[in-house]
Amino acid sequence: MSKGPWWVRVIGVTGVSGAIALYLIHFLTTSVTASIERHDQTTAERLRELITISRQICVNGAVSEVERGGCFR
């Protein structure tokens, strides 16, 4: 096989339709992975907010110091 750009060799080995399929797989997995990471960050932020609110509700409803201590376990 002649020396040339890597993408020309890929097309030579896999064919045009195979190269297109490989590109689409690469593109989709990259974009899906990035989307999942953004979703994980957003979910973690919202979860921290909900935990903080739940603790505030617990502290406000606690009658004794012992009950208030149980809010932060």
Protein backbone atom coordinates (compact mmCIF):
# COMPACT_ATOMS: atom_id res chain seq x y z
CA MET A 1 0.00 0.00 0.00
CA SER A 2 1.30 3.44 -0.83
CA LYS A 3 2.17 5.95 1.81
CA GLY A 4 -0.32 8.73 2.22
CA PRO A 5 -2.60 10.33 4.75
CA TRP A 6 -4.02 7.91 7.30
CA TRP A 7 -7.57 8.53 6.15
CA VAL A 8 -6.74 7.48 2.58
CA ARG A 9 -5.37 4.18 3.91
CA VAL A 10 -8.53 3.68 6.01
CA ILE A 11 -10.72 4.20 2.94
CA GLY A 12 -8.49 1.80 1.00
CA VAL A 13 -8.90 -0.90 3.62
CA THR A 14 -12.56 -0.46 4.60
CA GLY A 15 -14.05 1.08 1.49
CA VAL A 16 -16.02 4.30 1.30
CA SER A 17 -19.13 3.00 3.07
CA GLY A 18 -17.01 1.42 5.82
CA ALA A 19 -15.08 4.66 6.33
CA ILE A 20 -18.34 6.61 6.58
CA ALA A 21 -19.68 4.11 9.11
CA LEU A 22 -16.49 4.34 11.18
CA TYR A 23 -16.67 8.15 11.14
CA LEU A 24 -20.32 8.12 12.22
CA ILE A 25 -19.56 5.70 15.05
CA HIS A 26 -16.69 7.91 16.22
CA PHE A 27 -18.79 11.09 15.99
CA LEU A 28 -21.80 9.62 17.77
CA THR A 29 -19.85 8.03 20.60
CA THR A 30 -17.91 11.26 21.18
CA SER A 31 -21.04 13.44 21.25
CA VAL A 32 -23.03 10.96 23.37
CA THR A 33 -20.18 10.67 25.89
CA ALA A 34 -19.97 14.46 26.21
CA SER A 35 -23.73 14.68 26.67
CA ILE A 36 -23.70 12.03 29.39
CA GLU A 37 -20.90 13.84 31.24
CA ARG A 38 -22.86 17.12 31.14
CA HIS A 39 -25.96 15.31 32.38
CA ASP A 40 -23.99 13.74 35.25
CA GLN A 41 -22.70 17.15 36.34
CA THR A 42 -26.17 18.70 36.23
CA THR A 43 -27.67 15.78 38.13
CA ALA A 44 -24.98 15.97 40.82
CA GLU A 45 -25.60 19.72 41.29
CA ARG A 46 -29.35 19.23 41.61
CA LEU A 47 -28.86 16.34 44.04
CA ARG A 48 -26.65 18.52 46.26
CA GLU A 49 -29.34 21.23 46.22
CA LEU A 50 -32.03 18.72 47.20
CA ILE A 51 -29.91 17.32 50.02
CA THR A 52 -29.29 20.85 51.34
CA ILE A 53 -33.00 21.67 51.23
CA SER A 54 -33.89 18.37 52.93
CA ARG A 55 -31.41 19.09 55.71
CA GLN A 56 -32.83 22.58 56.20
CA ILE A 57 -36.34 21.15 56.47
CA CYS A 58 -35.10 18.54 58.93
CA VAL A 59 -33.35 21.16 61.11
CA ASN A 60 -36.38 23.45 61.07
CA GLY A 61 -38.68 20.61 62.13
CA ALA A 62 -36.39 19.17 64.79
CA VAL A 63 -37.50 19.70 68.37
CA SER A 64 -34.31 18.78 70.19
CA GLU A 65 -30.58 19.04 69.65
CA VAL A 66 -30.38 15.27 69.20
CA GLU A 67 -32.92 15.39 66.38
CA ARG A 68 -31.01 18.25 64.74
CA GLY A 69 -27.84 16.15 64.89
CA GLY A 70 -29.63 13.39 63.04
CA CYS A 71 -30.25 15.72 60.12
CA PHE A 72 -26.59 15.67 59.10
CA ARG A 73 -25.92 11.94 58.96
